[in-house]
N, C-alpha and C. Protein backbone atom coordinates (compact mmCIF):
# COMPACT_ATOMS: atom_id res chain seq x y z
N MET A 1 6.09 -145.67 157.80
CA MET A 1 6.29 -144.52 156.95
C MET A 1 5.06 -144.35 156.05
N LYS A 2 4.61 -143.13 155.93
CA LYS A 2 3.47 -142.82 155.06
C LYS A 2 3.99 -142.27 153.74
N VAL A 3 3.54 -142.85 152.65
CA VAL A 3 3.92 -142.41 151.32
C VAL A 3 2.66 -141.89 150.63
N VAL A 4 2.72 -140.65 150.15
CA VAL A 4 1.58 -140.05 149.45
C VAL A 4 1.95 -139.85 147.99
N TYR A 5 1.15 -140.42 147.11
CA TYR A 5 1.35 -140.27 145.68
C TYR A 5 0.25 -139.38 145.12
N ARG A 6 0.66 -138.42 144.30
CA ARG A 6 -0.31 -137.54 143.63
C ARG A 6 -0.66 -138.16 142.28
N VAL A 7 -1.94 -138.23 142.00
CA VAL A 7 -2.41 -138.78 140.73
C VAL A 7 -3.12 -137.67 139.96
N GLU A 8 -2.66 -137.41 138.75
CA GLU A 8 -3.32 -136.45 137.88
C GLU A 8 -4.13 -137.21 136.84
N ILE A 9 -5.37 -136.79 136.65
CA ILE A 9 -6.26 -137.45 135.70
C ILE A 9 -6.72 -136.41 134.69
N GLU A 10 -6.60 -136.77 133.43
CA GLU A 10 -7.11 -135.88 132.39
C GLU A 10 -7.84 -136.67 131.31
N ARG A 11 -8.75 -136.00 130.66
CA ARG A 11 -9.52 -136.63 129.59
C ARG A 11 -8.82 -136.36 128.26
N GLU A 12 -8.62 -137.41 127.50
CA GLU A 12 -7.99 -137.30 126.20
C GLU A 12 -9.03 -136.89 125.15
N GLU A 13 -8.57 -136.46 124.01
CA GLU A 13 -9.47 -136.03 122.94
C GLU A 13 -10.39 -137.16 122.46
N ASP A 14 -9.91 -138.40 122.57
CA ASP A 14 -10.71 -139.54 122.11
C ASP A 14 -11.71 -140.02 123.16
N GLY A 15 -11.78 -139.32 124.30
CA GLY A 15 -12.75 -139.66 125.33
C GLY A 15 -12.22 -140.52 126.46
N ARG A 16 -11.05 -141.14 126.25
CA ARG A 16 -10.48 -141.95 127.33
C ARG A 16 -9.90 -141.04 128.40
N PHE A 17 -9.69 -141.61 129.58
CA PHE A 17 -9.08 -140.89 130.68
C PHE A 17 -7.68 -141.44 130.91
N LEU A 18 -6.75 -140.55 131.18
CA LEU A 18 -5.37 -140.93 131.47
C LEU A 18 -5.04 -140.50 132.89
N ALA A 19 -4.60 -141.46 133.70
CA ALA A 19 -4.19 -141.18 135.08
C ALA A 19 -2.69 -141.41 135.18
N GLU A 20 -2.00 -140.50 135.87
CA GLU A 20 -0.55 -140.59 136.02
C GLU A 20 -0.15 -140.33 137.46
N VAL A 21 0.73 -141.17 137.99
CA VAL A 21 1.30 -140.95 139.32
C VAL A 21 2.52 -140.06 139.14
N VAL A 22 2.44 -138.84 139.62
CA VAL A 22 3.47 -137.83 139.39
C VAL A 22 4.84 -138.27 139.91
N GLU A 23 4.87 -138.88 141.09
CA GLU A 23 6.14 -139.22 141.73
C GLU A 23 6.80 -140.48 141.18
N LEU A 24 6.11 -141.23 140.35
CA LEU A 24 6.65 -142.47 139.79
C LEU A 24 6.73 -142.35 138.27
N SER A 25 7.90 -142.09 137.78
CA SER A 25 8.09 -141.88 136.34
C SER A 25 7.56 -143.05 135.52
N GLY A 26 6.72 -142.73 134.54
CA GLY A 26 6.20 -143.74 133.64
C GLY A 26 5.00 -144.51 134.14
N VAL A 27 4.54 -144.22 135.36
CA VAL A 27 3.39 -144.94 135.91
C VAL A 27 2.13 -144.20 135.50
N MET A 28 1.49 -144.71 134.45
CA MET A 28 0.27 -144.11 133.93
C MET A 28 -0.60 -145.20 133.34
N ALA A 29 -1.91 -144.92 133.30
CA ALA A 29 -2.86 -145.92 132.79
C ALA A 29 -4.08 -145.21 132.22
N TYR A 30 -4.64 -145.84 131.19
CA TYR A 30 -5.87 -145.35 130.58
C TYR A 30 -7.08 -146.09 131.14
N GLY A 31 -8.22 -145.43 131.08
CA GLY A 31 -9.48 -146.06 131.45
C GLY A 31 -10.63 -145.44 130.70
N ARG A 32 -11.76 -146.14 130.67
CA ARG A 32 -12.96 -145.61 130.01
C ARG A 32 -13.61 -144.52 130.83
N SER A 33 -13.32 -144.50 132.13
CA SER A 33 -13.81 -143.45 133.03
C SER A 33 -12.65 -143.02 133.92
N ALA A 34 -12.81 -141.89 134.59
CA ALA A 34 -11.77 -141.42 135.51
C ALA A 34 -11.55 -142.44 136.63
N GLU A 35 -12.63 -143.04 137.10
CA GLU A 35 -12.54 -144.02 138.18
C GLU A 35 -11.77 -145.26 137.74
N GLU A 36 -12.04 -145.71 136.51
CA GLU A 36 -11.33 -146.89 136.01
C GLU A 36 -9.85 -146.59 135.81
N ALA A 37 -9.52 -145.43 135.25
CA ALA A 37 -8.12 -145.05 135.07
C ALA A 37 -7.41 -144.96 136.42
N LEU A 38 -8.09 -144.40 137.42
CA LEU A 38 -7.52 -144.29 138.76
C LEU A 38 -7.25 -145.68 139.34
N ALA A 39 -8.20 -146.59 139.21
CA ALA A 39 -8.02 -147.94 139.74
C ALA A 39 -6.84 -148.64 139.06
N PHE A 40 -6.72 -148.49 137.74
CA PHE A 40 -5.62 -149.13 137.01
C PHE A 40 -4.27 -148.54 137.42
N VAL A 41 -4.20 -147.21 137.56
CA VAL A 41 -2.91 -146.59 137.89
C VAL A 41 -2.52 -146.87 139.34
N GLN A 42 -3.50 -146.98 140.24
CA GLN A 42 -3.19 -147.32 141.62
C GLN A 42 -2.61 -148.74 141.69
N ALA A 43 -3.21 -149.67 140.96
CA ALA A 43 -2.71 -151.04 140.94
C ALA A 43 -1.28 -151.08 140.40
N LEU A 44 -1.03 -150.33 139.34
CA LEU A 44 0.31 -150.30 138.76
C LEU A 44 1.32 -149.68 139.74
N ALA A 45 0.94 -148.59 140.39
CA ALA A 45 1.82 -147.94 141.36
C ALA A 45 2.16 -148.88 142.51
N LEU A 46 1.19 -149.65 142.98
CA LEU A 46 1.45 -150.59 144.06
C LEU A 46 2.39 -151.71 143.61
N ARG A 47 2.28 -152.12 142.34
CA ARG A 47 3.22 -153.13 141.82
C ARG A 47 4.64 -152.56 141.78
N VAL A 48 4.77 -151.31 141.34
CA VAL A 48 6.09 -150.66 141.30
C VAL A 48 6.66 -150.53 142.70
N LEU A 49 5.84 -150.10 143.66
CA LEU A 49 6.30 -149.97 145.05
C LEU A 49 6.71 -151.33 145.61
N ALA A 50 5.94 -152.38 145.33
CA ALA A 50 6.29 -153.73 145.80
C ALA A 50 7.63 -154.17 145.24
N ASP A 51 7.86 -153.88 143.97
CA ASP A 51 9.14 -154.23 143.35
C ASP A 51 10.28 -153.46 144.00
N GLN A 52 10.07 -152.18 144.28
CA GLN A 52 11.09 -151.37 144.95
C GLN A 52 11.41 -151.93 146.34
N LEU A 53 10.37 -152.28 147.09
CA LEU A 53 10.57 -152.84 148.42
C LEU A 53 11.30 -154.17 148.36
N GLU A 54 10.93 -154.99 147.39
CA GLU A 54 11.56 -156.30 147.23
C GLU A 54 13.05 -156.17 146.94
N HIS A 55 13.42 -155.13 146.22
CA HIS A 55 14.83 -154.92 145.85
C HIS A 55 15.51 -153.89 146.75
N GLU A 56 14.88 -153.59 147.89
CA GLU A 56 15.43 -152.66 148.89
C GLU A 56 15.76 -151.30 148.30
N GLU A 57 14.90 -150.83 147.37
CA GLU A 57 15.09 -149.52 146.75
C GLU A 57 14.08 -148.50 147.27
N GLY A 58 13.06 -148.94 147.95
CA GLY A 58 12.00 -148.06 148.41
C GLY A 58 12.16 -147.71 149.87
N PRO A 59 11.10 -147.20 150.47
CA PRO A 59 11.14 -146.84 151.89
C PRO A 59 11.35 -148.07 152.77
N ARG A 60 11.94 -147.87 153.92
CA ARG A 60 12.22 -148.96 154.85
C ARG A 60 11.09 -149.09 155.88
N GLY A 61 10.89 -150.30 156.36
CA GLY A 61 9.90 -150.53 157.40
C GLY A 61 8.49 -150.58 156.87
N PRO A 62 7.52 -150.60 157.79
CA PRO A 62 6.11 -150.62 157.39
C PRO A 62 5.76 -149.38 156.56
N VAL A 63 4.96 -149.58 155.53
CA VAL A 63 4.61 -148.49 154.62
C VAL A 63 3.09 -148.34 154.55
N SER A 64 2.63 -147.11 154.68
CA SER A 64 1.23 -146.77 154.47
C SER A 64 1.16 -145.93 153.20
N VAL A 65 0.33 -146.34 152.26
CA VAL A 65 0.25 -145.66 150.96
C VAL A 65 -1.07 -144.92 150.85
N GLN A 66 -0.99 -143.69 150.36
CA GLN A 66 -2.18 -142.88 150.13
C GLN A 66 -2.07 -142.26 148.75
N PHE A 67 -3.20 -142.20 148.04
CA PHE A 67 -3.26 -141.57 146.73
C PHE A 67 -4.13 -140.32 146.83
N GLU A 68 -3.63 -139.20 146.28
CA GLU A 68 -4.41 -137.98 146.20
C GLU A 68 -4.62 -137.67 144.73
N THR A 69 -5.83 -137.32 144.35
CA THR A 69 -6.13 -137.11 142.95
C THR A 69 -6.43 -135.66 142.66
N SER A 70 -6.14 -135.29 141.41
CA SER A 70 -6.53 -133.98 140.89
C SER A 70 -6.86 -134.17 139.43
N ALA A 71 -7.85 -133.48 138.96
CA ALA A 71 -8.26 -133.59 137.56
C ALA A 71 -7.74 -132.37 136.80
N SER A 72 -7.23 -132.65 135.60
CA SER A 72 -6.75 -131.59 134.72
C SER A 72 -7.77 -131.36 133.62
N ALA A 73 -7.69 -130.22 133.00
CA ALA A 73 -8.62 -129.91 131.89
C ALA A 73 -8.26 -130.67 130.64
């Protein structure tokens, strides 16, 4: 099964970047750059997915994960 997560990245007023996985409530991370925020949020999303799989709450069978990004103003 292929799972696609949308990641929205926006720059905060203080200069930090905030990345959020739209499909996973509460999965967001800050970074000093958009790339760093993306890396942090991807790692967090994979931890959440692993926990879901471990507790049989996520998709069944082999899983392929893809992240798609979009930047907000």
